[in-house]
């Protein structure tokens, strides 16, 4: 019998989606279905964790951009 996994539809910019794909590639634990460059379905139980990891990645990205721009 097929088993359904509850999910959350995530729509975002392609740049954010690339970061989500990078995070998911580490353990393949977040994305249920990769729909297109701006859309995916994420496991409902992992959605909050993914949000936190994405915030951390974005903080790191912004820090790197600020440091390289201050030369």
Protein backbone atom coordinates (compact mmCIF):
# COMPACT_ATOMS: atom_id res chain seq x y z
CA UNK A 1 0.00 0.00 0.00
CA UNK A 2 1.39 3.46 -0.90
CA UNK A 3 2.43 5.69 1.96
CA UNK A 4 1.70 9.43 1.88
CA UNK A 5 4.12 11.94 3.37
CA UNK A 6 2.66 15.29 4.51
CA UNK A 7 4.41 18.18 2.83
CA UNK A 8 4.59 21.95 2.48
CA UNK A 9 4.67 23.63 -0.93
CA UNK A 10 7.61 26.06 -1.04
CA UNK A 11 7.82 28.75 -3.72
CA UNK A 12 10.85 31.04 -3.79
CA UNK A 13 13.45 32.71 -6.00
CA UNK A 14 15.79 30.39 -7.91
CA UNK A 15 18.73 31.60 -5.79
CA UNK A 16 16.98 30.57 -2.56
CA UNK A 17 15.91 27.28 -4.14
CA UNK A 18 19.55 26.57 -4.98
CA UNK A 19 20.45 27.02 -1.30
CA UNK A 20 17.58 24.71 -0.28
CA UNK A 21 18.86 22.10 -2.75
CA UNK A 22 22.37 22.45 -1.30
CA UNK A 23 21.07 21.92 2.24
CA UNK A 24 19.00 18.92 1.13
CA UNK A 25 21.95 17.38 -0.74
CA UNK A 26 23.78 16.83 2.54
CA UNK A 27 21.29 14.23 3.81
CA UNK A 28 18.37 14.15 1.32
CA UNK A 29 16.11 14.71 4.30
CA UNK A 30 13.98 17.74 3.39
CA UNK A 31 12.68 17.76 -0.20
CA UNK A 32 9.93 15.29 -1.13
CA UNK A 33 9.44 16.54 -4.70
CA UNK A 34 11.53 18.98 -6.72
CA UNK A 35 9.01 20.62 -9.08
CA UNK A 36 10.93 23.37 -10.89
CA UNK A 37 13.53 26.13 -10.34
CA UNK A 38 11.21 28.00 -7.97
CA UNK A 39 9.02 25.30 -6.41
CA UNK A 40 9.41 22.17 -4.29
CA UNK A 41 7.53 20.16 -1.68
CA UNK A 42 9.26 19.83 1.68
CA UNK A 43 8.48 17.34 4.44
CA UNK A 44 6.11 19.01 6.86
CA UNK A 45 8.01 17.62 9.86
CA UNK A 46 11.29 19.14 8.59
CA UNK A 47 9.96 22.52 7.40
CA UNK A 48 10.86 24.54 10.54
CA UNK A 49 14.32 22.95 10.67
CA UNK A 50 14.87 23.84 7.01
CA UNK A 51 13.81 27.44 7.69
CA UNK A 52 16.39 27.73 10.47
CA UNK A 53 19.16 26.21 8.33
CA UNK A 54 18.24 28.54 5.47
CA UNK A 55 18.43 31.57 7.78
CA UNK A 56 21.91 30.48 8.89
CA UNK A 57 23.05 30.00 5.29
CA UNK A 58 21.72 33.43 4.35
CA UNK A 59 23.51 35.05 7.32
CA UNK A 60 26.77 33.45 6.20
CA UNK A 61 26.19 34.55 2.60
CA UNK A 62 25.47 38.15 3.62
CA UNK A 63 28.57 38.23 5.86
CA UNK A 64 30.76 36.98 3.00
CA UNK A 65 29.32 39.59 0.63
CA UNK A 66 29.88 42.40 3.14
CA UNK A 67 33.46 41.29 3.83
CA UNK A 68 34.36 41.10 0.15
CA UNK A 69 32.77 44.49 -0.50
CA UNK A 70 34.69 46.29 2.21
CA UNK A 71 38.08 46.10 0.44
